[in-house]
Amino acid sequence: MKQLIHFSKYQGTGNDFVMLNNLTNDFEHLSIDQIQRLCDRRFGIGADGLILIQNKDGFDFEMDYYNSDGSKSFCGNGARCAVQFAHELGITQQEVVFYAIDGMHRATKNEAGIELQMNNVKAEPINGQEGFLNTGSPHVMRYDDDLSHAHIFQVGKSIRYSETYQKEGVNVNLIRKINARQIAIATYERGVEDETLSCGTGATACALFHAQQETLLGEQLIEVQVKGGVLKVKFHRTEDQFKDIYLIGPAEKVFEGEIYV
């Protein structure tokens, strides 16, 4: 028997999510099939992912994130939208501490939108114009001036399903350099298996990788132009590590409604 559920739809620079209030454990038995149907753009609500906001001892809330295919990962834009959703539910203040699949995160709601603290990232060796970083989700980054949908889809799919990454999957980002502190990117996301208009962990990975390429050390702020808007990544870089990383950008409610699932 189908269940009528209330949902909210949020987006962060074009990365969109179905949001469910699970504080009373109404959705603890939500199946992968139901998640896929809710995220389906033709037969459901339509989204890049689905997020459950639920209770977690010692934290303001827990963000339980699912890609549109039902797989789990961390999502930077999803986390920023989760903070905004939790704020509108009245369960958080200006500054929050929440739990996600990759551990604890802090976030602040301010005039710039949602400022999300990411976990520290170890610097990885650069292979010419290409690199790999894990910013909560794994990312391959490559400099390429062609950010068209057809090109990122072709390149992204070929890398994601290569022998190296086929089993676990990887996100793929193409970077066009604007200057030392500005870049534009296009992202192919595993779990969505297509280009998304924005990817928070991808924007973060690209900003850090670009700082390596430009040999920028110390406190940095990189502007990342995604197809759905603009994100900013603030961080401190040493020779072997990135720390005090913040992903900054908007998170907006699009609509809410009810659906049978």
C-alpha atoms as a PDB file:
ATOM      1  CA  MET A   1       0.000   0.000   0.000  1.00  0.00           C
ATOM      2  CA  LYS A   2       1.373   3.387  -0.973  1.00  0.00           C
ATOM      3  CA  GLN A   3       2.156   5.952   1.723  1.00  0.00           C
ATOM      4  CA  LEU A   4       1.369   9.676   1.457  1.00  0.00           C
ATOM      5  CA  ILE A   5       4.422  11.656   2.542  1.00  0.00           C
ATOM      6  CA  HIS A   6       5.133  15.357   2.940  1.00  0.00           C
ATOM      7  CA  PHE A   7       8.362  16.595   1.385  1.00  0.00           C
ATOM      8  CA  SER A   8      10.311  19.761   0.690  1.00  0.00           C
ATOM      9  CA  LYS A   9      12.467  20.439  -2.360  1.00  0.00           C
ATOM     10  CA  TYR A  10      15.704  22.430  -1.967  1.00  0.00           C
ATOM     11  CA  GLN A  11      18.501  23.460  -4.297  1.00  0.00           C
ATOM     12  CA  GLY A  12      22.030  24.776  -3.856  1.00  0.00           C
ATOM     13  CA  THR A  13      23.410  26.351  -7.052  1.00  0.00           C
ATOM     14  CA  GLY A  14      21.271  23.998  -9.115  1.00  0.00           C
ATOM     15  CA  ASN A  15      22.095  20.816  -7.183  1.00  0.00           C
ATOM     16  CA  ASP A  16      18.595  19.735  -6.074  1.00  0.00           C
ATOM     17  CA  PHE A  17      17.353  17.509  -3.264  1.00  0.00           C
ATOM     18  CA  VAL A  18      14.213  15.967  -1.841  1.00  0.00           C
ATOM     19  CA  MET A  19      14.170  16.727   1.896  1.00  0.00           C
ATOM     20  CA  LEU A  20      12.299  14.582   4.432  1.00  0.00           C
ATOM     21  CA  ASN A  21      11.787  15.358   8.117  1.00  0.00           C
ATOM     22  CA  ASN A  22      12.640  12.070   9.847  1.00  0.00           C
ATOM     23  CA  LEU A  23      12.813  13.388  13.416  1.00  0.00           C
ATOM     24  CA  THR A  24       9.932  11.078  14.375  1.00  0.00           C
ATOM     25  CA  ASN A  25      11.401   8.109  12.435  1.00  0.00           C
ATOM     26  CA  ASP A  26       8.557   8.039   9.926  1.00  0.00           C
ATOM     27  CA  PHE A  27      10.906   7.123   7.083  1.00  0.00           C
ATOM     28  CA  GLU A  28      13.318   4.666   8.701  1.00  0.00           C
ATOM     29  CA  HIS A  29      12.077   1.883   6.403  1.00  0.00           C
ATOM     30  CA  LEU A  30      12.281   3.890   3.171  1.00  0.00           C
ATOM     31  CA  SER A  31      13.515   1.481   0.488  1.00  0.00           C
ATOM     32  CA  ILE A  32      16.085   2.068  -2.238  1.00  0.00           C
ATOM     33  CA  ASP A  33      13.313   1.615  -4.806  1.00  0.00           C
ATOM     34  CA  GLN A  34      11.248   4.342  -3.119  1.00  0.00           C
ATOM     35  CA  ILE A  35      14.257   6.689  -3.030  1.00  0.00           C
ATOM     36  CA  GLN A  36      14.849   6.131  -6.734  1.00  0.00           C
ATOM     37  CA  ARG A  37      11.187   6.815  -7.535  1.00  0.00           C
ATOM     38  CA  LEU A  38      11.110  10.009  -5.448  1.00  0.00           C
ATOM     39  CA  CYS A  39      14.200  11.303  -7.258  1.00  0.00           C
ATOM     40  CA  ASP A  40      12.933  10.309 -10.714  1.00  0.00           C
ATOM     41  CA  ARG A  41      12.432  13.427 -12.850  1.00  0.00           C
ATOM     42  CA  ARG A  42       9.559  11.928 -14.835  1.00  0.00           C
ATOM     43  CA  PHE A  43       7.680   9.713 -12.411  1.00  0.00           C
ATOM     44  CA  GLY A  44       8.602  11.334  -9.090  1.00  0.00           C
ATOM     45  CA  ILE A  45       9.576  14.701  -7.646  1.00  0.00           C
ATOM     46  CA  GLY A  46      12.910  14.883  -9.436  1.00  0.00           C
ATOM     47  CA  ALA A  47      16.242  15.447  -7.677  1.00  0.00           C
ATOM     48  CA  ASP A  48      19.956  14.678  -7.666  1.00  0.00           C
ATOM     49  CA  GLY A  49      19.560  13.151  -4.206  1.00  0.00           C
ATOM     50  CA  LEU A  50      17.374  12.617  -1.155  1.00  0.00           C
ATOM     51  CA  ILE A  51      18.123  13.744   2.401  1.00  0.00           C
ATOM     52  CA  LEU A  52      16.646  12.599   5.700  1.00  0.00           C
ATOM     53  CA  ILE A  53      16.986  14.942   8.683  1.00  0.00           C
ATOM     54  CA  GLN A  54      16.982  12.851  11.859  1.00  0.00           C
ATOM     55  CA  ASN A  55      18.034  12.840  15.494  1.00  0.00           C
ATOM     56  CA  LYS A  56      21.573  12.004  16.577  1.00  0.00           C
ATOM     57  CA  ASP A  57      22.805  12.067  20.185  1.00  0.00           C
ATOM     58  CA  GLY A  58      25.331  14.841  20.766  1.00  0.00           C
ATOM     59  CA  PHE A  59      24.473  16.685  17.540  1.00  0.00           C
ATOM     60  CA  ASP A  60      21.840  19.154  16.364  1.00  0.00           C
ATOM     61  CA  PHE A  61      20.795  16.592  13.754  1.00  0.00           C
ATOM     62  CA  GLU A  62      22.031  13.882  11.396  1.00  0.00           C
ATOM     63  CA  MET A  63      22.016  14.248   7.624  1.00  0.00           C
ATOM     64  CA  ASP A  64      21.354  10.876   5.961  1.00  0.00           C
ATOM     65  CA  TYR A  65      22.119  11.411   2.275  1.00  0.00           C
ATOM     66  CA  TYR A  66      21.276   9.216  -0.742  1.00  0.00           C
ATOM     67  CA  ASN A  67      22.197   9.755  -4.376  1.00  0.00           C
ATOM     68  CA  SER A  68      19.325   9.456  -6.852  1.00  0.00           C
ATOM     69  CA  ASP A  69      20.250   5.802  -7.491  1.00  0.00           C
ATOM     70  CA  GLY A  70      19.937   5.034  -3.760  1.00  0.00           C
ATOM     71  CA  SER A  71      23.674   4.826  -3.021  1.00  0.00           C
ATOM     72  CA  LYS A  72      25.076   6.709  -0.023  1.00  0.00           C
ATOM     73  CA  SER A  73      27.828   9.323   0.118  1.00  0.00           C
ATOM     74  CA  PHE A  74      28.599  12.758   1.499  1.00  0.00           C
ATOM     75  CA  CYS A  75      27.279  15.761  -0.423  1.00  0.00           C
ATOM     76  CA  GLY A  76      28.496  19.318   0.211  1.00  0.00           C
ATOM     77  CA  ASN A  77      25.592  21.113  -1.455  1.00  0.00           C
ATOM     78  CA  GLY A  78      23.193  18.647   0.133  1.00  0.00           C
ATOM     79  CA  ALA A  79      24.698  19.392   3.523  1.00  0.00           C
ATOM     80  CA  ARG A  80      24.224  23.129   3.034  1.00  0.00           C
ATOM     81  CA  CYS A  81      20.591  22.527   2.027  1.00  0.00           C
ATOM     82  CA  ALA A  82      20.152  20.232   5.033  1.00  0.00           C
ATOM     83  CA  VAL A  83      21.321  23.047   7.336  1.00  0.00           C
ATOM     84  CA  GLN A  84      18.827  25.445   5.740  1.00  0.00           C
ATOM     85  CA  PHE A  85      16.020  22.855   6.002  1.00  0.00           C
ATOM     86  CA  ALA A  86      16.856  22.134   9.652  1.00  0.00           C
ATOM     87  CA  HIS A  87      16.874  25.866  10.357  1.00  0.00           C
ATOM     88  CA  GLU A  88      13.402  26.222   8.838  1.00  0.00           C
ATOM     89  CA  LEU A  89      12.206  23.238  10.890  1.00  0.00           C
ATOM     90  CA  GLY A  90      13.261  25.205  13.972  1.00  0.00           C
ATOM     91  CA  ILE A  91      15.728  22.610  15.269  1.00  0.00           C
ATOM     92  CA  THR A  92      18.921  24.648  14.774  1.00  0.00           C
ATOM     93  CA  GLN A  93      20.384  28.078  15.497  1.00  0.00           C
ATOM     94  CA  GLN A  94      22.773  30.281  13.478  1.00  0.00           C
ATOM     95  CA  GLU A  95      25.667  27.886  14.161  1.00  0.00           C
ATOM     96  CA  VAL A  96      25.089  24.135  14.093  1.00  0.00           C
ATOM     97  CA  VAL A  97      26.964  20.889  14.537  1.00  0.00           C
ATOM     98  CA  PHE A  98      25.618  17.908  12.628  1.00  0.00           C
ATOM     99  CA  TYR A  99      26.620  14.367  11.737  1.00  0.00           C
ATOM    100  CA  ALA A 100      27.028  12.935   8.217  1.00  0.00           C
ATOM    101  CA  ILE A 101      28.437   9.759   6.704  1.00  0.00           C
ATOM    102  CA  ASP A 102      31.983  11.172   6.887  1.00  0.00           C
ATOM    103  CA  GLY A 103      31.663  12.399  10.488  1.00  0.00           C
ATOM    104  CA  MET A 104      31.068  15.728  12.226  1.00  0.00           C
ATOM    105  CA  HIS A 105      30.513  19.027  10.425  1.00  0.00           C
ATOM    106  CA  ARG A 106      29.973  22.589  11.586  1.00  0.00           C
ATOM    107  CA  ALA A 107      27.968  25.150   9.636  1.00  0.00           C
ATOM    108  CA  THR A 108      26.929  28.791   9.948  1.00  0.00           C
ATOM    109  CA  LYS A 109      23.970  30.558   8.370  1.00  0.00           C
ATOM    110  CA  ASN A 110      24.890  34.135   7.350  1.00  0.00           C
ATOM    111  CA  GLU A 111      24.398  36.734   4.628  1.00  0.00           C
ATOM    112  CA  ALA A 112      26.528  34.668   2.213  1.00  0.00           C
ATOM    113  CA  GLY A 113      24.205  31.695   2.596  1.00  0.00           C
ATOM    114  CA  ILE A 114      25.440  28.568   4.366  1.00  0.00           C
ATOM    115  CA  GLU A 115      29.116  28.315   5.327  1.00  0.00           C
ATOM    116  CA  LEU A 116      29.920  24.627   5.749  1.00  0.00           C
ATOM    117  CA  GLN A 117      33.109  23.346   7.362  1.00  0.00           C
ATOM    118  CA  MET A 118      34.545  20.381   5.486  1.00  0.00           C
ATOM    119  CA  ASN A 119      36.937  17.796   6.871  1.00  0.00           C
ATOM    120  CA  ASN A 120      40.685  18.268   6.434  1.00  0.00           C
ATOM    121  CA  VAL A 121      42.069  16.879   3.176  1.00  0.00           C
ATOM    122  CA  LYS A 122      45.465  15.319   2.577  1.00  0.00           C
ATOM    123  CA  ALA A 123      47.245  16.643  -0.511  1.00  0.00           C
ATOM    124  CA  GLU A 124      47.773  14.030  -3.226  1.00  0.00           C
ATOM    125  CA  PRO A 125      50.452  13.982  -5.946  1.00  0.00           C
ATOM    126  CA  ILE A 126      49.529  15.819  -9.156  1.00  0.00           C
ATOM    127  CA  ASN A 127      49.822  14.011 -12.479  1.00  0.00           C
ATOM    128  CA  GLY A 128      50.371  16.893 -14.883  1.00  0.00           C
ATOM    129  CA  GLN A 129      46.992  18.529 -15.480  1.00  0.00           C
ATOM    130  CA  GLU A 130      45.088  15.840 -13.560  1.00  0.00           C
ATOM    131  CA  GLY A 131      44.705  14.920  -9.895  1.00  0.00           C
ATOM    132  CA  PHE A 132      42.631  13.062  -7.306  1.00  0.00           C
ATOM    133  CA  LEU A 133      41.275  14.238  -3.942  1.00  0.00           C
ATOM    134  CA  ASN A 134      38.738  12.890  -1.484  1.00  0.00           C
ATOM    135  CA  THR A 135      36.695  15.752  -0.012  1.00  0.00           C
ATOM    136  CA  GLY A 136      34.058  13.526   1.602  1.00  0.00           C
ATOM    137  CA  SER A 137      33.486  11.960  -1.822  1.00  0.00           C
ATOM    138  CA  PRO A 138      36.238  10.913  -4.266  1.00  0.00           C
ATOM    139  CA  HIS A 139      37.002  13.256  -7.173  1.00  0.00           C
ATOM    140  CA  VAL A 140      39.173  13.199 -10.267  1.00  0.00           C
ATOM    141  CA  MET A 141      40.009  16.716 -11.519  1.00  0.00           C
ATOM    142  CA  ARG A 142      41.351  17.616 -14.953  1.00  0.00           C
ATOM    143  CA  TYR A 143      41.992  20.959 -16.681  1.00  0.00           C
ATOM    144  CA  ASP A 144      39.923  21.214 -19.860  1.00  0.00           C
ATOM    145  CA  ASP A 145      38.463  24.310 -21.535  1.00  0.00           C
ATOM    146  CA  ASP A 146      35.481  22.378 -22.923  1.00  0.00           C
ATOM    147  CA  LEU A 147      32.830  22.339 -20.191  1.00  0.00           C
ATOM    148  CA  SER A 148      29.944  21.424 -22.495  1.00  0.00           C
ATOM    149  CA  HIS A 149      27.424  18.837 -21.349  1.00  0.00           C
ATOM    150  CA  ALA A 150      28.339  16.414 -24.134  1.00  0.00           C
ATOM    151  CA  HIS A 151      32.044  16.598 -23.277  1.00  0.00           C
ATOM    152  CA  ILE A 152      31.766  16.234 -19.478  1.00  0.00           C
ATOM    153  CA  PHE A 153      29.324  13.361 -19.935  1.00  0.00           C
ATOM    154  CA  GLN A 154      31.680  11.529 -22.296  1.00  0.00           C
ATOM    155  CA  VAL A 155      34.849  12.170 -20.289  1.00  0.00           C
ATOM    156  CA  GLY A 156      33.161  11.656 -16.929  1.00  0.00           C
ATOM    157  CA  LYS A 157      31.573   8.364 -17.892  1.00  0.00           C
ATOM    158  CA  SER A 158      34.806   7.008 -19.385  1.00  0.00           C
ATOM    159  CA  ILE A 159      36.775   7.746 -16.188  1.00  0.00           C
ATOM    160  CA  ARG A 160      34.025   6.712 -13.760  1.00  0.00           C
ATOM    161  CA  TYR A 161      33.630   3.311 -15.502  1.00  0.00           C
ATOM    162  CA  SER A 162      37.332   2.769 -16.131  1.00  0.00           C
ATOM    163  CA  GLU A 163      39.020  -0.272 -14.601  1.00  0.00           C
ATOM    164  CA  THR A 164      40.468   1.919 -11.819  1.00  0.00           C
ATOM    165  CA  TYR A 165      37.174   3.345 -10.585  1.00  0.00           C
ATOM    166  CA  GLN A 166      34.388   1.075 -11.862  1.00  0.00           C
ATOM    167  CA  LYS A 167      33.815  -0.823  -8.613  1.00  0.00           C
ATOM    168  CA  GLU A 168      33.642   2.061  -6.119  1.00  0.00           C
ATOM    169  CA  GLY A 169      32.862   4.858  -8.553  1.00  0.00           C
ATOM    170  CA  VAL A 170      34.335   8.347  -8.706  1.00  0.00           C
ATOM    171  CA  ASN A 171      33.150  11.865  -9.498  1.00  0.00           C
ATOM    172  CA  VAL A 172      34.831  13.608 -12.416  1.00  0.00           C
ATOM    173  CA  ASN A 173      35.437  17.362 -12.758  1.00  0.00           C
ATOM    174  CA  LEU A 174      36.703  19.409 -15.677  1.00  0.00           C
ATOM    175  CA  ILE A 175      38.281  22.766 -14.785  1.00  0.00           C
ATOM    176  CA  ARG A 176      38.673  25.896 -16.884  1.00  0.00           C
ATOM    177  CA  LYS A 177      41.126  28.338 -15.339  1.00  0.00           C
ATOM    178  CA  ILE A 178      39.991  31.970 -15.236  1.00  0.00           C
ATOM    179  CA  ASN A 179      42.833  33.257 -13.053  1.00  0.00           C
ATOM    180  CA  ALA A 180      44.795  32.160  -9.972  1.00  0.00           C
ATOM    181  CA  ARG A 181      41.747  32.462  -7.704  1.00  0.00           C
ATOM    182  CA  GLN A 182      38.832  31.895 -10.078  1.00  0.00           C
ATOM    183  CA  ILE A 183      37.847  28.751 -11.941  1.00  0.00           C
ATOM    184  CA  ALA A 184      34.829  27.358 -13.787  1.00  0.00           C
ATOM    185  CA  ILE A 185      33.974  23.658 -13.571  1.00  0.00           C
ATOM    186  CA  ALA A 186      31.682  20.952 -14.929  1.00  0.00           C
ATOM    187  CA  THR A 187      30.990  17.789 -12.911  1.00  0.00           C
ATOM    188  CA  TYR A 188      29.915  14.226 -13.680  1.00  0.00           C
ATOM    189  CA  GLU A 189      28.572  12.632 -10.488  1.00  0.00           C
ATOM    190  CA  ARG A 190      28.560   8.953  -9.623  1.00  0.00           C
ATOM    191  CA  GLY A 191      25.194   7.877  -8.220  1.00  0.00           C
ATOM    192  CA  VAL A 192      23.490  10.340 -10.554  1.00  0.00           C
ATOM    193  CA  GLU A 193      25.520   9.011 -13.516  1.00  0.00           C
ATOM    194  CA  ASP A 194      25.210  12.281 -15.355  1.00  0.00           C
ATOM    195  CA  GLU A 195      26.324  15.896 -15.201  1.00  0.00           C
ATOM    196  CA  THR A 196      24.899  17.937 -12.329  1.00  0.00           C
ATOM    197  CA  LEU A 197      24.635  21.715 -12.356  1.00  0.00           C
ATOM    198  CA  SER A 198      26.726  21.877  -9.198  1.00  0.00           C
ATOM    199  CA  CYS A 199      28.656  19.635  -6.827  1.00  0.00           C
ATOM    200  CA  GLY A 200      29.841  20.933  -3.456  1.00  0.00           C
ATOM    201  CA  THR A 201      32.498  18.320  -2.790  1.00  0.00           C
ATOM    202  CA  GLY A 202      33.573  18.696  -6.436  1.00  0.00           C
ATOM    203  CA  ALA A 203      33.862  22.473  -6.182  1.00  0.00           C
ATOM    204  CA  THR A 204      35.930  21.999  -3.026  1.00  0.00           C
ATOM    205  CA  ALA A 205      38.193  19.398  -4.643  1.00  0.00           C
ATOM    206  CA  CYS A 206      38.716  21.598  -7.716  1.00  0.00           C
ATOM    207  CA  ALA A 207      39.558  24.665  -5.604  1.00  0.00           C
ATOM    208  CA  LEU A 208      42.123  22.720  -3.576  1.00  0.00           C
ATOM    209  CA  PHE A 209      43.617  21.121  -6.676  1.00  0.00           C
ATOM    210  CA  HIS A 210      43.822  24.538  -8.374  1.00  0.00           C
ATOM    211  CA  ALA A 211      45.661  25.927  -5.337  1.00  0.00           C
ATOM    212  CA  GLN A 212      48.211  23.120  -5.732  1.00  0.00           C
ATOM    213  CA  GLN A 213      48.646  23.922  -9.419  1.00  0.00           C
ATOM    214  CA  GLU A 214      49.085  27.632  -8.675  1.00  0.00           C
ATOM    215  CA  THR A 215      51.393  26.869  -5.691  1.00  0.00           C
ATOM    216  CA  LEU A 216      49.190  28.943  -3.374  1.00  0.00           C
ATOM    217  CA  LEU A 217      50.042  28.507   0.315  1.00  0.00           C
ATOM    218  CA  GLY A 218      48.439  29.804   3.498  1.00  0.00           C
ATOM    219  CA  GLU A 219      44.942  31.321   3.704  1.00  0.00           C
ATOM    220  CA  GLN A 220      43.116  31.191   0.372  1.00  0.00           C
ATOM    221  CA  LEU A 221      39.687  31.929  -1.113  1.00  0.00           C
ATOM    222  CA  ILE A 222      38.856  30.436  -4.503  1.00  0.00           C
ATOM    223  CA  GLU A 223      35.717  31.340  -6.463  1.00  0.00           C
ATOM    224  CA  VAL A 224      34.217  28.372  -8.303  1.00  0.00           C
ATOM    225  CA  GLN A 225      31.746  29.050 -11.099  1.00  0.00           C
ATOM    226  CA  VAL A 226      29.432  26.065 -11.495  1.00  0.00           C
ATOM    227  CA  LYS A 227      26.667  25.896 -14.079  1.00  0.00           C
ATOM    228  CA  GLY A 228      24.050  26.594 -11.405  1.00  0.00           C
ATOM    229  CA  GLY A 229      25.749  29.618  -9.839  1.00  0.00           C
ATOM    230  CA  VAL A 230      28.824  30.537  -7.810  1.00  0.00           C
ATOM    231  CA  LEU A 231      30.412  28.805  -4.813  1.00  0.00           C
ATOM    232  CA  LYS A 232      33.379  29.932  -2.750  1.00  0.00           C
ATOM    233  CA  VAL A 233      35.925  27.704  -1.040  1.00  0.00           C
ATOM    234  CA  LYS A 234      37.983  29.098   1.852  1.00  0.00           C
ATOM    235  CA  PHE A 235      40.887  27.091   3.258  1.00  0.00           C
ATOM    236  CA  HIS A 236      44.435  27.048   4.619  1.00  0.00           C
ATOM    237  CA  ARG A 237      47.006  25.148   2.581  1.00  0.00           C
ATOM    238  CA  THR A 238      50.298  23.708   3.757  1.00  0.00           C
ATOM    239  CA  GLU A 239      52.643  21.620   1.618  1.00  0.00           C
ATOM    240  CA  ASP A 240      50.920  18.340   2.500  1.00  0.00           C
ATOM    241  CA  GLN A 241      47.458  19.245   3.797  1.00  0.00           C
ATOM    242  CA  PHE A 242      44.385  21.435   3.408  1.00  0.00           C
ATOM    243  CA  LYS A 243      42.657  22.435   6.645  1.00  0.00           C
ATOM    244  CA  ASP A 244      40.015  24.891   7.897  1.00  0.00           C
ATOM    245  CA  ILE A 245      38.091  24.243   4.658  1.00  0.00           C
ATOM    246  CA  TYR A 246      34.749  26.007   4.205  1.00  0.00           C
ATOM    247  CA  LEU A 247      32.281  25.613   1.332  1.00  0.00           C
ATOM    248  CA  ILE A 248      30.207  28.792   1.012  1.00  0.00           C
ATOM    249  CA  GLY A 249      27.092  29.374  -1.047  1.00  0.00           C
ATOM    250  CA  PRO A 250      23.292  29.658  -1.215  1.00  0.00           C
ATOM    251  CA  ALA A 251      20.724  27.042  -0.204  1.00  0.00           C
ATOM    252  CA  GLU A 252      17.120  27.704  -1.133  1.00  0.00           C
ATOM    253  CA  LYS A 253      13.720  26.110  -0.709  1.00  0.00           C
ATOM    254  CA  VAL A 254      12.030  25.560  -4.073  1.00  0.00           C
ATOM    255  CA  PHE A 255       8.658  24.135  -3.044  1.00  0.00           C
ATOM    256  CA  GLU A 256       6.946  21.610  -0.783  1.00  0.00           C
ATOM    257  CA  GLY A 257       4.152  19.134  -1.331  1.00  0.00           C
ATOM    258  CA  GLU A 258       2.780  15.635  -0.856  1.00  0.00           C
ATOM    259  CA  ILE A 259       3.331  12.507  -2.887  1.00  0.00           C
ATOM    260  CA  TYR A 260       2.297   8.857  -2.712  1.00  0.00           C
ATOM    261  CA  VAL A 261       5.214   6.451  -2.647  1.00  0.00           C
END
